[in-house]
Full PDB file with SEQRES, HELIX, SHEET, SSBOND, CRYST1, ORIGX, SCALE, CONECT and MASTER records, all heavy atoms in Angstrom:
SEQRES   1 A   33  LYS GLU PRO ARG PRO VAL ASP LEU SER PRO LEU ALA LEU          
SEQRES   2 A   33  PRO ASP LEU ARG ARG GLU ARG MET VAL ARG ALA VAL LEU          
SEQRES   3 A   33  ALA ARG ALA GLN THR ALA ALA                                  
HELIX    1 AA1 SER A    9  LEU A   11  5                                   3    
HELIX    2 AA2 ASP A   15  ALA A   32  1                                  18    
CRYST1    1.000    1.000    1.000  90.00  90.00  90.00 P 1           1          
ORIGX1      1.000000  0.000000  0.000000        0.00000                         
ORIGX2      0.000000  1.000000  0.000000        0.00000                         
ORIGX3      0.000000  0.000000  1.000000        0.00000                         
SCALE1      1.000000  0.000000  0.000000        0.00000                         
SCALE2      0.000000  1.000000  0.000000        0.00000                         
SCALE3      0.000000  0.000000  1.000000        0.00000                         
ATOM      1  N   LYS A   1      46.435 -20.021  28.677  1.00  0.00           N  
ATOM      2  CA  LYS A   1      45.034 -20.234  29.030  1.00  0.00           C  
ATOM      3  C   LYS A   1      44.138 -19.062  28.661  1.00  0.00           C  
ATOM      4  O   LYS A   1      42.937 -19.198  28.605  1.00  0.00           O  
ATOM      5  CB  LYS A   1      44.932 -20.537  30.516  1.00  0.00           C  
ATOM      6  CG  LYS A   1      45.629 -21.836  30.876  1.00  0.00           C  
ATOM      7  CD  LYS A   1      45.312 -22.241  32.253  1.00  0.00           C  
ATOM      8  CE  LYS A   1      46.037 -23.562  32.522  1.00  0.00           C  
ATOM      9  NZ  LYS A   1      45.518 -24.260  33.614  1.00  0.00           N  
ATOM     10  N   GLU A   2      44.683 -17.904  28.435  1.00  0.00           N  
ATOM     11  CA  GLU A   2      43.879 -16.754  28.053  1.00  0.00           C  
ATOM     12  C   GLU A   2      43.502 -16.853  26.577  1.00  0.00           C  
ATOM     13  O   GLU A   2      44.342 -17.153  25.741  1.00  0.00           O  
ATOM     14  CB  GLU A   2      44.660 -15.466  28.282  1.00  0.00           C  
ATOM     15  CG  GLU A   2      44.846 -15.127  29.729  1.00  0.00           C  
ATOM     16  CD  GLU A   2      45.559 -13.811  29.889  1.00  0.00           C  
ATOM     17  OE1 GLU A   2      45.466 -12.965  28.972  1.00  0.00           O  
ATOM     18  OE2 GLU A   2      46.220 -13.647  30.906  1.00  0.00           O  
ATOM     19  N   PRO A   3      42.216 -16.608  26.258  1.00  0.00           N  
ATOM     20  CA  PRO A   3      41.822 -16.671  24.841  1.00  0.00           C  
ATOM     21  C   PRO A   3      42.404 -15.484  24.076  1.00  0.00           C  
ATOM     22  O   PRO A   3      42.580 -14.395  24.613  1.00  0.00           O  
ATOM     23  CB  PRO A   3      40.306 -16.607  24.881  1.00  0.00           C  
ATOM     24  CG  PRO A   3      39.979 -15.969  26.183  1.00  0.00           C  
ATOM     25  CD  PRO A   3      41.096 -16.314  27.132  1.00  0.00           C  
ATOM     26  N   ARG A   4      42.672 -15.734  22.821  1.00  0.00           N  
ATOM     27  CA  ARG A   4      43.176 -14.654  21.970  1.00  0.00           C  
ATOM     28  C   ARG A   4      42.018 -13.739  21.590  1.00  0.00           C  
ATOM     29  O   ARG A   4      40.904 -14.211  21.378  1.00  0.00           O  
ATOM     30  CB  ARG A   4      43.803 -15.241  20.700  1.00  0.00           C  
ATOM     31  CG  ARG A   4      45.187 -15.798  20.960  1.00  0.00           C  
ATOM     32  CD  ARG A   4      45.831 -16.179  19.665  1.00  0.00           C  
ATOM     33  NE  ARG A   4      45.410 -17.545  19.405  1.00  0.00           N  
ATOM     34  CZ  ARG A   4      45.458 -18.134  18.217  1.00  0.00           C  
ATOM     35  NH1 ARG A   4      45.901 -17.486  17.177  1.00  0.00           N  
ATOM     36  NH2 ARG A   4      45.081 -19.370  18.083  1.00  0.00           N  
ATOM     37  N   PRO A   5      42.261 -12.448  21.503  1.00  0.00           N  
ATOM     38  CA  PRO A   5      41.170 -11.553  21.106  1.00  0.00           C  
ATOM     39  C   PRO A   5      40.722 -11.853  19.676  1.00  0.00           C  
ATOM     40  O   PRO A   5      41.506 -12.244  18.831  1.00  0.00           O  
ATOM     41  CB  PRO A   5      41.778 -10.162  21.208  1.00  0.00           C  
ATOM     42  CG  PRO A   5      43.232 -10.341  21.386  1.00  0.00           C  
ATOM     43  CD  PRO A   5      43.494 -11.753  21.769  1.00  0.00           C  
ATOM     44  N   VAL A   6      39.431 -11.672  19.450  1.00  0.00           N  
ATOM     45  CA  VAL A   6      38.850 -11.927  18.137  1.00  0.00           C  
ATOM     46  C   VAL A   6      39.197 -10.760  17.222  1.00  0.00           C  
ATOM     47  O   VAL A   6      39.048  -9.596  17.590  1.00  0.00           O  
ATOM     48  CB  VAL A   6      37.322 -12.091  18.242  1.00  0.00           C  
ATOM     49  CG1 VAL A   6      36.708 -12.314  16.878  1.00  0.00           C  
ATOM     50  CG2 VAL A   6      36.979 -13.234  19.172  1.00  0.00           C  
ATOM     51  N   ASP A   7      39.649 -11.084  16.029  1.00  0.00           N  
ATOM     52  CA  ASP A   7      40.003 -10.055  15.048  1.00  0.00           C  
ATOM     53  C   ASP A   7      38.754  -9.651  14.283  1.00  0.00           C  
ATOM     54  O   ASP A   7      38.191 -10.426  13.506  1.00  0.00           O  
ATOM     55  CB  ASP A   7      41.067 -10.603  14.095  1.00  0.00           C  
ATOM     56  CG  ASP A   7      41.498  -9.579  13.066  1.00  0.00           C  
ATOM     57  OD1 ASP A   7      41.334  -8.370  13.334  1.00  0.00           O  
ATOM     58  OD2 ASP A   7      41.980  -9.991  11.992  1.00  0.00           O  
ATOM     59  N   LEU A   8      38.277  -8.441  14.527  1.00  0.00           N  
ATOM     60  CA  LEU A   8      37.070  -7.938  13.865  1.00  0.00           C  
ATOM     61  C   LEU A   8      37.379  -7.023  12.689  1.00  0.00           C  
ATOM     62  O   LEU A   8      36.478  -6.414  12.114  1.00  0.00           O  
ATOM     63  CB  LEU A   8      36.198  -7.191  14.874  1.00  0.00           C  
ATOM     64  CG  LEU A   8      35.669  -8.028  16.043  1.00  0.00           C  
ATOM     65  CD1 LEU A   8      34.884  -7.145  16.991  1.00  0.00           C  
ATOM     66  CD2 LEU A   8      34.817  -9.172  15.549  1.00  0.00           C  
ATOM     67  N   SER A   9      38.614  -6.926  12.301  1.00  0.00           N  
ATOM     68  CA  SER A   9      38.981  -6.022  11.210  1.00  0.00           C  
ATOM     69  C   SER A   9      38.319  -6.374   9.876  1.00  0.00           C  
ATOM     70  O   SER A   9      38.031  -5.467   9.088  1.00  0.00           O  
ATOM     71  CB  SER A   9      40.502  -5.963  11.056  1.00  0.00           C  
ATOM     72  OG  SER A   9      41.020  -7.245  10.761  1.00  0.00           O  
ATOM     73  N   PRO A  10      37.984  -7.649   9.576  1.00  0.00           N  
ATOM     74  CA  PRO A  10      37.275  -7.905   8.312  1.00  0.00           C  
ATOM     75  C   PRO A  10      35.877  -7.292   8.259  1.00  0.00           C  
ATOM     76  O   PRO A  10      35.309  -7.110   7.198  1.00  0.00           O  
ATOM     77  CB  PRO A  10      37.204  -9.431   8.227  1.00  0.00           C  
ATOM     78  CG  PRO A  10      38.309  -9.925   9.077  1.00  0.00           C  
ATOM     79  CD  PRO A  10      38.462  -8.911  10.177  1.00  0.00           C  
ATOM     80  N   LEU A  11      35.317  -6.948   9.417  1.00  0.00           N  
ATOM     81  CA  LEU A  11      33.977  -6.352   9.447  1.00  0.00           C  
ATOM     82  C   LEU A  11      34.005  -4.840   9.277  1.00  0.00           C  
ATOM     83  O   LEU A  11      32.955  -4.211   9.158  1.00  0.00           O  
ATOM     84  CB  LEU A  11      33.290  -6.693  10.774  1.00  0.00           C  
ATOM     85  CG  LEU A  11      33.060  -8.179  11.044  1.00  0.00           C  
ATOM     86  CD1 LEU A  11      32.458  -8.360  12.422  1.00  0.00           C  
ATOM     87  CD2 LEU A  11      32.161  -8.790   9.985  1.00  0.00           C  
ATOM     88  N   ALA A  12      35.154  -4.252   9.276  1.00  0.00           N  
ATOM     89  CA  ALA A  12      35.275  -2.794   9.171  1.00  0.00           C  
ATOM     90  C   ALA A  12      34.805  -2.308   7.804  1.00  0.00           C  
ATOM     91  O   ALA A  12      34.999  -2.968   6.783  1.00  0.00           O  
ATOM     92  CB  ALA A  12      36.719  -2.374   9.407  1.00  0.00           C  
ATOM     93  N   LEU A  13      34.165  -1.138   7.814  1.00  0.00           N  
ATOM     94  CA  LEU A  13      33.696  -0.542   6.565  1.00  0.00           C  
ATOM     95  C   LEU A  13      34.860   0.171   5.870  1.00  0.00           C  
ATOM     96  O   LEU A  13      35.736   0.735   6.541  1.00  0.00           O  
ATOM     97  CB  LEU A  13      32.603   0.480   6.848  1.00  0.00           C  
ATOM     98  CG  LEU A  13      31.271  -0.070   7.335  1.00  0.00           C  
ATOM     99  CD1 LEU A  13      30.370   1.083   7.733  1.00  0.00           C  
ATOM    100  CD2 LEU A  13      30.615  -0.915   6.279  1.00  0.00           C  
ATOM    101  N   PRO A  14      34.828   0.213   4.554  1.00  0.00           N  
ATOM    102  CA  PRO A  14      35.823   1.027   3.859  1.00  0.00           C  
ATOM    103  C   PRO A  14      35.641   2.501   4.239  1.00  0.00           C  
ATOM    104  O   PRO A  14      34.533   2.951   4.548  1.00  0.00           O  
ATOM    105  CB  PRO A  14      35.528   0.797   2.380  1.00  0.00           C  
ATOM    106  CG  PRO A  14      34.677  -0.413   2.316  1.00  0.00           C  
ATOM    107  CD  PRO A  14      33.994  -0.549   3.631  1.00  0.00           C  
ATOM    108  N   ASP A  15      36.715   3.265   4.203  1.00  0.00           N  
ATOM    109  CA  ASP A  15      36.670   4.664   4.639  1.00  0.00           C  
ATOM    110  C   ASP A  15      35.650   5.486   3.861  1.00  0.00           C  
ATOM    111  O   ASP A  15      34.909   6.285   4.440  1.00  0.00           O  
ATOM    112  CB  ASP A  15      38.060   5.309   4.499  1.00  0.00           C  
ATOM    113  CG  ASP A  15      39.039   4.738   5.507  1.00  0.00           C  
ATOM    114  OD1 ASP A  15      38.578   4.208   6.543  1.00  0.00           O  
ATOM    115  OD2 ASP A  15      40.263   4.837   5.265  1.00  0.00           O  
ATOM    116  N   LEU A  16      35.587   5.300   2.552  1.00  0.00           N  
ATOM    117  CA  LEU A  16      34.660   6.080   1.733  1.00  0.00           C  
ATOM    118  C   LEU A  16      33.207   5.793   2.116  1.00  0.00           C  
ATOM    119  O   LEU A  16      32.390   6.712   2.257  1.00  0.00           O  
ATOM    120  CB  LEU A  16      34.905   5.793   0.248  1.00  0.00           C  
ATOM    121  CG  LEU A  16      34.031   6.558  -0.725  1.00  0.00           C  
ATOM    122  CD1 LEU A  16      34.271   8.065  -0.576  1.00  0.00           C  
ATOM    123  CD2 LEU A  16      34.319   6.116  -2.148  1.00  0.00           C  
ATOM    124  N   ARG A  17      32.880   4.527   2.325  1.00  0.00           N  
ATOM    125  CA  ARG A  17      31.506   4.161   2.668  1.00  0.00           C  
ATOM    126  C   ARG A  17      31.145   4.694   4.060  1.00  0.00           C  
ATOM    127  O   ARG A  17      30.026   5.169   4.292  1.00  0.00           O  
ATOM    128  CB  ARG A  17      31.350   2.648   2.621  1.00  0.00           C  
ATOM    129  CG  ARG A  17      29.937   2.214   2.874  1.00  0.00           C  
ATOM    130  CD  ARG A  17      29.720   0.780   2.552  1.00  0.00           C  
ATOM    131  NE  ARG A  17      28.347   0.422   2.833  1.00  0.00           N  
ATOM    132  CZ  ARG A  17      27.929  -0.797   3.038  1.00  0.00           C  
ATOM    133  NH1 ARG A  17      28.770  -1.797   2.937  1.00  0.00           N  
ATOM    134  NH2 ARG A  17      26.677  -1.041   3.301  1.00  0.00           N  
ATOM    135  N   ARG A  18      32.074   4.606   4.999  1.00  0.00           N  
ATOM    136  CA  ARG A  18      31.817   5.109   6.342  1.00  0.00           C  
ATOM    137  C   ARG A  18      31.571   6.616   6.308  1.00  0.00           C  
ATOM    138  O   ARG A  18      30.653   7.122   6.954  1.00  0.00           O  
ATOM    139  CB  ARG A  18      32.984   4.773   7.267  1.00  0.00           C  
ATOM    140  CG  ARG A  18      32.711   5.188   8.695  1.00  0.00           C  
ATOM    141  CD  ARG A  18      33.796   4.783   9.682  1.00  0.00           C  
ATOM    142  NE  ARG A  18      35.105   5.244   9.274  1.00  0.00           N  
ATOM    143  CZ  ARG A  18      36.140   4.449   8.973  1.00  0.00           C  
ATOM    144  NH1 ARG A  18      35.978   3.142   9.030  1.00  0.00           N  
ATOM    145  NH2 ARG A  18      37.308   4.962   8.613  1.00  0.00           N  
ATOM    146  N   GLU A  19      32.336   7.344   5.525  1.00  0.00           N  
ATOM    147  CA  GLU A  19      32.156   8.794   5.406  1.00  0.00           C  
ATOM    148  C   GLU A  19      30.799   9.140   4.805  1.00  0.00           C  
ATOM    149  O   GLU A  19      30.125  10.074   5.238  1.00  0.00           O  
ATOM    150  CB  GLU A  19      33.284   9.419   4.579  1.00  0.00           C  
ATOM    151  CG  GLU A  19      34.613   9.462   5.279  1.00  0.00           C  
ATOM    152  CD  GLU A  19      34.553  10.267   6.563  1.00  0.00           C  
ATOM    153  OE1 GLU A  19      33.889  11.316   6.585  1.00  0.00           O  
ATOM    154  OE2 GLU A  19      35.159   9.829   7.554  1.00  0.00           O  
ATOM    155  N   ARG A  20      30.383   8.371   3.795  1.00  0.00           N  
ATOM    156  CA  ARG A  20      29.057   8.605   3.189  1.00  0.00           C  
ATOM    157  C   ARG A  20      27.948   8.377   4.208  1.00  0.00           C  
ATOM    158  O   ARG A  20      26.976   9.136   4.267  1.00  0.00           O  
ATOM    159  CB  ARG A  20      28.852   7.677   1.999  1.00  0.00           C  
ATOM    160  CG  ARG A  20      29.606   8.084   0.775  1.00  0.00           C  
ATOM    161  CD  ARG A  20      29.295   7.148  -0.365  1.00  0.00           C  
ATOM    162  NE  ARG A  20      30.133   7.435  -1.513  1.00  0.00           N  
ATOM    163  CZ  ARG A  20      30.321   6.592  -2.513  1.00  0.00           C  
ATOM    164  NH1 ARG A  20      29.737   5.413  -2.500  1.00  0.00           N  
ATOM    165  NH2 ARG A  20      31.085   6.922  -3.521  1.00  0.00           N  
ATOM    166  N   MET A  21      28.088   7.328   5.006  1.00  0.00           N  
ATOM    167  CA  MET A  21      27.073   7.036   6.018  1.00  0.00           C  
ATOM    168  C   MET A  21      27.023   8.147   7.061  1.00  0.00           C  
ATOM    169  O   MET A  21      25.935   8.569   7.485  1.00  0.00           O  
ATOM    170  CB  MET A  21      27.354   5.686   6.684  1.00  0.00           C  
ATOM    171  CG  MET A  21      27.099   4.499   5.772  1.00  0.00           C  
ATOM    172  SD  MET A  21      27.538   2.934   6.529  1.00  0.00           S  
ATOM    173  CE  MET A  21      26.323   2.814   7.794  1.00  0.00           C  
ATOM    174  N   VAL A  22      28.178   8.633   7.486  1.00  0.00           N  
ATOM    175  CA  VAL A  22      28.225   9.716   8.473  1.00  0.00           C  
ATOM    176  C   VAL A  22      27.560  10.970   7.915  1.00  0.00           C  
ATOM    177  O   VAL A  22      26.758  11.627   8.583  1.00  0.00           O  
ATOM    178  CB  VAL A  22      29.685  10.001   8.893  1.00  0.00           C  
ATOM    179  CG1 VAL A  22      29.792  11.297   9.683  1.00  0.00           C  
ATOM    180  CG2 VAL A  22      30.237   8.836   9.702  1.00  0.00           C  
ATOM    181  N   ARG A  23      27.850  11.295   6.650  1.00  0.00           N  
ATOM    182  CA  ARG A  23      27.241  12.479   6.032  1.00  0.00           C  
ATOM    183  C   ARG A  23      25.726  12.319   5.921  1.00  0.00           C  
ATOM    184  O   ARG A  23      24.973  13.280   6.140  1.00  0.00           O  
ATOM    185  CB  ARG A  23      27.855  12.726   4.651  1.00  0.00           C  
ATOM    186  CG  ARG A  23      29.145  13.526   4.746  1.00  0.00           C  
ATOM    187  CD  ARG A  23      29.629  13.966   3.375  1.00  0.00           C  
ATOM    188  NE  ARG A  23      30.777  13.121   3.078  1.00  0.00           N  
ATOM    189  CZ  ARG A  23      30.966  12.401   1.982  1.00  0.00           C  
ATOM    190  NH1 ARG A  23      30.097  12.444   1.012  1.00  0.00           N  
ATOM    191  NH2 ARG A  23      32.033  11.651   1.828  1.00  0.00           N  
ATOM    192  N   ALA A  24      25.261  11.119   5.580  1.00  0.00           N  
ATOM    193  CA  ALA A  24      23.820  10.890   5.453  1.00  0.00           C  
ATOM    194  C   ALA A  24      23.115  11.055   6.803  1.00  0.00           C  
ATOM    195  O   ALA A  24      22.039  11.663   6.889  1.00  0.00           O  
ATOM    196  CB  ALA A  24      23.554   9.506   4.887  1.00  0.00           C  
ATOM    197  N   VAL A  25      23.716  10.530   7.858  1.00  0.00           N  
ATOM    198  CA  VAL A  25      23.114  10.653   9.185  1.00  0.00           C  
ATOM    199  C   VAL A  25      23.080  12.110   9.622  1.00  0.00           C  
ATOM    200  O   VAL A  25      22.067  12.600  10.148  1.00  0.00           O  
ATOM    201  CB  VAL A  25      23.885   9.780  10.205  1.00  0.00           C  
ATOM    202  CG1 VAL A  25      23.457  10.094  11.627  1.00  0.00           C  
ATOM    203  CG2 VAL A  25      23.668   8.308   9.902  1.00  0.00           C  
ATOM    204  N   LEU A  26      24.169  12.831   9.406  1.00  0.00           N  
ATOM    205  CA  LEU A  26      24.210  14.244   9.786  1.00  0.00           C  
ATOM    206  C   LEU A  26      23.211  15.067   8.981  1.00  0.00           C  
ATOM    207  O   LEU A  26      22.583  15.989   9.514  1.00  0.00           O  
ATOM    208  CB  LEU A  26      25.628  14.798   9.615  1.00  0.00           C  
ATOM    209  CG  LEU A  26      26.670  14.263  10.618  1.00  0.00           C  
ATOM    210  CD1 LEU A  26      28.047  14.795  10.283  1.00  0.00           C  
ATOM    211  CD2 LEU A  26      26.265  14.613  12.029  1.00  0.00           C  
ATOM    212  N   ALA A  27      23.037  14.748   7.694  1.00  0.00           N  
ATOM    213  CA  ALA A  27      22.066  15.473   6.867  1.00  0.00           C  
ATOM    214  C   ALA A  27      20.649  15.245   7.382  1.00  0.00           C  
ATOM    215  O   ALA A  27      19.843  16.184   7.451  1.00  0.00           O  
ATOM    216  CB  ALA A  27      22.186  15.037   5.412  1.00  0.00           C  
ATOM    217  N   ARG A  28      20.329  14.006   7.778  1.00  0.00           N  
ATOM    218  CA  ARG A  28      19.001  13.728   8.322  1.00  0.00           C  
ATOM    219  C   ARG A  28      18.793  14.451   9.645  1.00  0.00           C  
ATOM    220  O   ARG A  28      17.699  14.931   9.934  1.00  0.00           O  
ATOM    221  CB  ARG A  28      18.812  12.220   8.510  1.00  0.00           C  
ATOM    222  CG  ARG A  28      18.551  11.508   7.230  1.00  0.00           C  
ATOM    223  CD  ARG A  28      18.126  10.071   7.480  1.00  0.00           C  
ATOM    224  NE  ARG A  28      18.681   9.255   6.410  1.00  0.00           N  
ATOM    225  CZ  ARG A  28      19.403   8.168   6.561  1.00  0.00           C  
ATOM    226  NH1 ARG A  28      19.657   7.714   7.765  1.00  0.00           N  
ATOM    227  NH2 ARG A  28      19.852   7.506   5.541  1.00  0.00           N  
ATOM    228  N   ALA A  29      19.825  14.507  10.458  1.00  0.00           N  
ATOM    229  CA  ALA A  29      19.715  15.190  11.753  1.00  0.00           C  
ATOM    230  C   ALA A  29      19.476  16.685  11.558  1.00  0.00           C  
ATOM    231  O   ALA A  29      18.685  17.292  12.284  1.00  0.00           O  
ATOM    232  CB  ALA A  29      20.975  14.955  12.577  1.00  0.00           C  
ATOM    233  N   GLN A  30      20.135  17.288  10.588  1.00  0.00           N  
ATOM    234  CA  GLN A  30      19.929  18.710  10.327  1.00  0.00           C  
ATOM    235  C   GLN A  30      18.526  18.967   9.804  1.00  0.00           C  
ATOM    236  O   GLN A  30      17.897  19.962  10.145  1.00  0.00           O  
ATOM    237  CB  GLN A  30      20.976  19.227   9.344  1.00  0.00           C  
ATOM    238  CG  GLN A  30      22.361  19.327   9.944  1.00  0.00           C  
ATOM    239  CD  GLN A  30      23.408  19.700   8.911  1.00  0.00           C  
ATOM    240  OE1 GLN A  30      23.126  19.738   7.718  1.00  0.00           O  
ATOM    241  NE2 GLN A  30      24.615  19.963   9.373  1.00  0.00           N  
ATOM    242  N   THR A  31      18.017  18.067   8.976  1.00  0.00           N  
ATOM    243  CA  THR A  31      16.660  18.219   8.445  1.00  0.00           C  
ATOM    244  C   THR A  31      15.641  18.147   9.572  1.00  0.00           C  
ATOM    245  O   THR A  31      14.694  18.929   9.612  1.00  0.00           O  
ATOM    246  CB  THR A  31      16.368  17.135   7.393  1.00  0.00           C  
ATOM    247  OG1 THR A  31      17.356  17.209   6.383  1.00  0.00           O  
ATOM    248  CG2 THR A  31      15.003  17.305   6.787  1.00  0.00           C  
ATOM    249  N   ALA A  32      15.832  17.203  10.491  1.00  0.00           N  
ATOM    250  CA  ALA A  32      14.897  17.060  11.610  1.00  0.00           C  
ATOM    251  C   ALA A  32      14.963  18.280  12.519  1.00  0.00           C  
ATOM    252  O   ALA A  32      13.941  18.740  13.029  1.00  0.00           O  
ATOM    253  CB  ALA A  32      15.202  15.796  12.395  1.00  0.00           C  
ATOM    254  N   ALA A  33      16.155  18.811  12.728  1.00  0.00           N  
ATOM    255  CA  ALA A  33      16.291  19.993  13.579  1.00  0.00           C  
ATOM    256  C   ALA A  33      15.665  21.215  12.919  1.00  0.00           C  
ATOM    257  O   ALA A  33      15.120  22.086  13.603  1.00  0.00           O  
ATOM    258  CB  ALA A  33      17.762  20.259  13.884  1.00  0.00           C  
TER     259      ALA A  33                                                      
MASTER        0    0    0    2    0    0    0    6  258    1    0    3          
END                                                                             
């Protein structure tokens, strides 16, 4: 009767793209500071 958890792994970003996004956010934060 318990529902199975939804598999969200297809929505995950590739490692390289995630790293680029993290670097971009950190660069903007340093500029603002």
